[in-house]
């Protein structure tokens, strides 16, 4: 009897441990470097912080699938280094799109599992009517950003409405182009300086 109980306890502990490591492994920051971009012609490119590629059909990084929807040209989907003019030479890879050649961008897990969206950076101009919409119907207006760079970069902290979702979609009704970076998926976001309750325990 003791051997059976011990065996069951060990089995349960192994399952819990496996679940813990599985959930930890799924916590990622998508920064658009080191993933695989599949282009509209079917070829593939591994992205990095120093180069860029246009005409991306979809992109995969750390189990997250980024799908460009309604593409009608190569300028509608770009991944890679954006700031080539020396204004911000340290800026790494980003996702950037011209919205006259694209309908939307959808993020999901390759395996279809649920996840939490916690944070993102807006690196370049978004217009005043750009949105993130989650699979559960939650929406958030992306703040206006005028070309981003260092001082103008906007940071977006998502509420718990964006927890346990299976996808989220980015779209814009008025922007010509804008870029994004550093999507925190199941990863605790950096501190929000505008939020007095930084540990979310209900106490400032």
Protein backbone atom coordinates (compact mmCIF):
# COMPACT_ATOMS: atom_id res chain seq x y z
CA UNK A 1 0.00 0.00 0.00
CA UNK A 2 2.81 2.42 0.93
CA UNK A 3 4.61 1.60 -2.31
CA UNK A 4 1.44 2.30 -4.30
CA UNK A 5 0.91 5.65 -2.53
CA UNK A 6 4.54 6.60 -3.05
CA UNK A 7 4.30 5.66 -6.72
CA UNK A 8 1.14 7.76 -7.14
CA UNK A 9 2.75 10.72 -5.33
CA UNK A 10 5.84 10.52 -7.53
CA UNK A 11 3.68 10.30 -10.65
CA UNK A 12 1.67 13.33 -9.54
CA UNK A 13 4.82 15.27 -8.72
CA UNK A 14 6.28 14.45 -12.11
CA UNK A 15 3.11 15.68 -13.83
CA UNK A 16 3.14 18.91 -11.81
CA UNK A 17 6.82 19.43 -12.57
CA UNK A 18 6.22 18.83 -16.27
CA UNK A 19 3.33 21.30 -16.25
CA UNK A 20 5.47 23.89 -14.48
CA UNK A 21 8.29 23.65 -16.98
CA UNK A 22 5.84 23.64 -19.89
CA UNK A 23 4.20 26.84 -18.68
CA UNK A 24 7.56 28.46 -17.99
CA UNK A 25 8.83 27.58 -21.45
CA UNK A 26 5.83 29.28 -23.06
CA UNK A 27 6.73 32.65 -21.51
CA UNK A 28 8.42 34.61 -24.29
CA UNK A 29 9.16 38.09 -25.56
CA UNK A 30 8.69 38.29 -29.32
CA UNK A 31 11.35 40.73 -30.55
CA UNK A 32 11.41 39.68 -34.23
CA UNK A 33 15.01 38.47 -34.24
CA UNK A 34 15.92 34.79 -34.56
CA UNK A 35 12.53 33.67 -35.87
CA UNK A 36 11.63 32.31 -39.30
CA UNK A 37 9.88 34.53 -41.83
CA UNK A 38 8.10 32.77 -44.71
CA UNK A 39 7.84 35.12 -47.67
CA UNK A 40 5.05 35.45 -50.21
CA UNK A 41 7.10 33.44 -52.72
CA UNK A 42 7.45 30.55 -50.26
CA UNK A 43 11.10 31.09 -49.37
CA UNK A 44 12.21 31.45 -45.76
CA UNK A 45 14.55 33.83 -43.92
CA UNK A 46 15.85 33.72 -40.34
CA UNK A 47 15.53 37.27 -39.02
CA UNK A 48 18.16 39.24 -37.11
CA UNK A 49 18.72 42.70 -35.61
CA UNK A 50 20.76 44.08 -38.51
CA UNK A 51 18.88 43.19 -41.71
CA UNK A 52 15.29 43.31 -42.91
CA UNK A 53 12.96 41.47 -45.24
CA UNK A 54 9.81 42.63 -47.09
CA UNK A 55 6.84 40.62 -48.31
CA UNK A 56 6.49 38.34 -45.26
CA UNK A 57 3.46 36.04 -45.47
CA UNK A 58 3.84 34.76 -41.91
CA UNK A 59 6.44 34.62 -39.16
CA UNK A 60 7.17 32.13 -36.35
CA UNK A 61 9.20 32.84 -33.22
CA UNK A 62 9.27 30.76 -30.02
CA UNK A 63 6.03 28.99 -30.87
CA UNK A 64 4.14 32.20 -31.71
CA UNK A 65 2.66 32.51 -35.21
CA UNK A 66 2.32 35.99 -36.74
CA UNK A 67 0.04 36.01 -39.79
CA UNK A 68 -0.23 38.97 -42.19
CA UNK A 69 -3.79 39.09 -43.52
CA UNK A 70 -4.95 40.55 -46.84
CA UNK A 71 -1.52 41.31 -48.26
CA UNK A 72 -1.54 42.97 -51.68
CA UNK A 73 2.11 44.05 -51.84
CA UNK A 74 5.53 43.54 -50.31
CA UNK A 75 5.41 46.84 -48.35
CA UNK A 76 2.49 45.49 -46.34
CA UNK A 77 4.71 43.23 -44.24
CA UNK A 78 8.27 43.88 -43.15
CA UNK A 79 10.38 42.37 -40.35
CA UNK A 80 13.86 43.52 -39.41
CA UNK A 81 15.91 46.58 -38.58
CA UNK A 82 13.91 49.71 -39.35
CA UNK A 83 15.99 52.71 -38.24
CA UNK A 84 18.63 52.91 -40.96
CA UNK A 85 19.09 56.70 -40.82
CA UNK A 86 21.24 56.88 -37.68
CA UNK A 87 18.51 58.37 -35.50
CA UNK A 88 18.40 55.28 -33.34
CA UNK A 89 21.20 52.95 -34.48
CA UNK A 90 20.77 50.64 -31.49
CA UNK A 91 17.19 49.76 -32.39
CA UNK A 92 16.88 46.07 -33.23
CA UNK A 93 14.38 44.22 -35.38
CA UNK A 94 10.73 45.27 -35.43
CA UNK A 95 7.56 44.40 -37.29
CA UNK A 96 6.50 47.19 -39.66
CA UNK A 97 3.63 47.52 -42.11
CA UNK A 98 2.12 49.91 -44.65
CA UNK A 99 -1.62 49.69 -44.08
CA UNK A 100 -2.62 50.43 -47.67
CA UNK A 101 -1.25 46.96 -48.52
CA UNK A 102 -2.57 44.99 -45.55
CA UNK A 103 -5.83 44.30 -43.68
CA UNK A 104 -4.59 43.06 -40.29
CA UNK A 105 -1.96 41.08 -38.37
CA UNK A 106 -2.98 38.13 -36.18
CA UNK A 107 -0.86 36.59 -33.39
CA UNK A 108 -1.55 33.10 -32.03
CA UNK A 109 0.28 30.09 -30.63
CA UNK A 110 1.31 27.47 -33.19
CA UNK A 111 -0.30 24.73 -31.11
CA UNK A 112 -3.55 26.66 -30.64
CA UNK A 113 -3.14 26.99 -26.86
CA UNK A 114 -4.34 29.96 -24.81
CA UNK A 115 -1.96 32.64 -23.60
CA UNK A 116 -1.76 36.03 -21.88
CA UNK A 117 -0.82 39.18 -23.78
CA UNK A 118 0.82 41.51 -21.27
CA UNK A 119 2.75 44.24 -23.09
CA UNK A 120 4.02 45.65 -26.39
CA UNK A 121 6.06 48.58 -27.75
CA UNK A 122 4.83 50.85 -30.52
CA UNK A 123 7.92 52.00 -32.39
CA UNK A 124 6.50 54.26 -35.13
CA UNK A 125 3.42 56.28 -36.04
CA UNK A 126 0.08 54.58 -35.46
CA UNK A 127 -2.53 57.20 -36.28
CA UNK A 128 -5.49 57.74 -33.97
CA UNK A 129 -7.61 54.73 -34.91
CA UNK A 130 -5.43 51.62 -34.52
CA UNK A 131 -6.58 48.71 -32.39
CA UNK A 132 -5.71 45.39 -30.78
CA UNK A 133 -8.65 42.97 -30.61
CA UNK A 134 -8.42 39.68 -28.68
CA UNK A 135 -10.19 36.43 -29.47
CA UNK A 136 -12.51 36.98 -26.48
CA UNK A 137 -13.68 40.34 -27.85
CA UNK A 138 -11.49 42.55 -25.63
CA UNK A 139 -10.20 45.62 -27.45
CA UNK A 140 -7.61 48.30 -26.75
CA UNK A 141 -6.84 51.46 -28.70
CA UNK A 142 -3.15 51.67 -29.56
CA UNK A 143 -1.83 55.07 -28.43
CA UNK A 144 -0.83 57.60 -31.05
CA UNK A 145 2.88 57.62 -31.84
CA UNK A 146 4.58 60.12 -34.14
CA UNK A 147 7.49 58.20 -35.65
CA UNK A 148 8.51 56.74 -32.31
CA UNK A 149 12.31 56.71 -32.17
CA UNK A 150 13.57 57.01 -28.59
CA UNK A 151 11.48 59.73 -26.92
CA UNK A 152 8.33 59.12 -28.92
CA UNK A 153 8.08 55.35 -28.44
CA UNK A 154 4.74 54.41 -26.90
CA UNK A 155 4.44 51.48 -24.50
CA UNK A 156 1.25 49.50 -24.07
CA UNK A 157 0.37 47.52 -20.92
CA UNK A 158 -2.58 45.18 -21.40
CA UNK A 159 -5.16 44.47 -18.71
CA UNK A 160 -6.33 41.06 -17.53
CA UNK A 161 -8.98 41.25 -20.29
CA UNK A 162 -6.20 40.00 -22.53
CA UNK A 163 -5.46 36.93 -20.38
CA UNK A 164 -6.32 33.39 -21.52
CA UNK A 165 -6.89 34.30 -25.16
CA UNK A 166 -6.17 32.19 -28.24
CA UNK A 167 -5.26 35.06 -30.57
CA UNK A 168 -5.17 38.82 -30.97
CA UNK A 169 -5.36 40.95 -34.09
CA UNK A 170 -3.83 44.35 -34.84
CA UNK A 171 -5.52 46.65 -37.35
CA UNK A 172 -5.67 50.32 -38.28
CA UNK A 173 -8.29 52.50 -39.93
CA UNK A 174 -6.20 55.63 -40.42
CA UNK A 175 -2.46 54.91 -40.19
CA UNK A 176 -0.29 54.85 -43.28
CA UNK A 177 2.43 52.81 -41.61
CA UNK A 178 3.57 51.84 -38.15
CA UNK A 179 5.90 49.48 -36.34
CA UNK A 180 5.73 47.33 -33.20
CA UNK A 181 8.16 45.38 -31.06
CA UNK A 182 8.60 43.34 -27.86
CA UNK A 183 5.32 41.48 -27.44
CA UNK A 184 5.27 39.90 -23.95
CA UNK A 185 3.46 36.55 -24.21
CA UNK A 186 2.90 34.84 -20.83
CA UNK A 187 5.84 36.92 -19.64
CA UNK A 188 5.42 39.45 -16.80
CA UNK A 189 5.60 42.94 -18.31
CA UNK A 190 8.12 45.57 -17.28
CA UNK A 191 6.86 47.96 -14.57
CA UNK A 192 4.27 50.51 -15.65
CA UNK A 193 5.32 53.94 -14.29
CA UNK A 194 1.73 55.18 -14.63
CA UNK A 195 0.31 52.36 -12.52
CA UNK A 196 0.63 52.96 -8.75
CA UNK A 197 -0.21 49.30 -8.06
CA UNK A 198 2.83 47.77 -9.75
CA UNK A 199 2.43 44.33 -8.20
CA UNK A 200 -1.35 44.27 -8.80
CA UNK A 201 -2.22 43.39 -5.19
CA UNK A 202 -4.75 46.19 -4.85
CA UNK A 203 -2.38 48.35 -2.79
CA UNK A 204 -0.51 51.33 -4.26
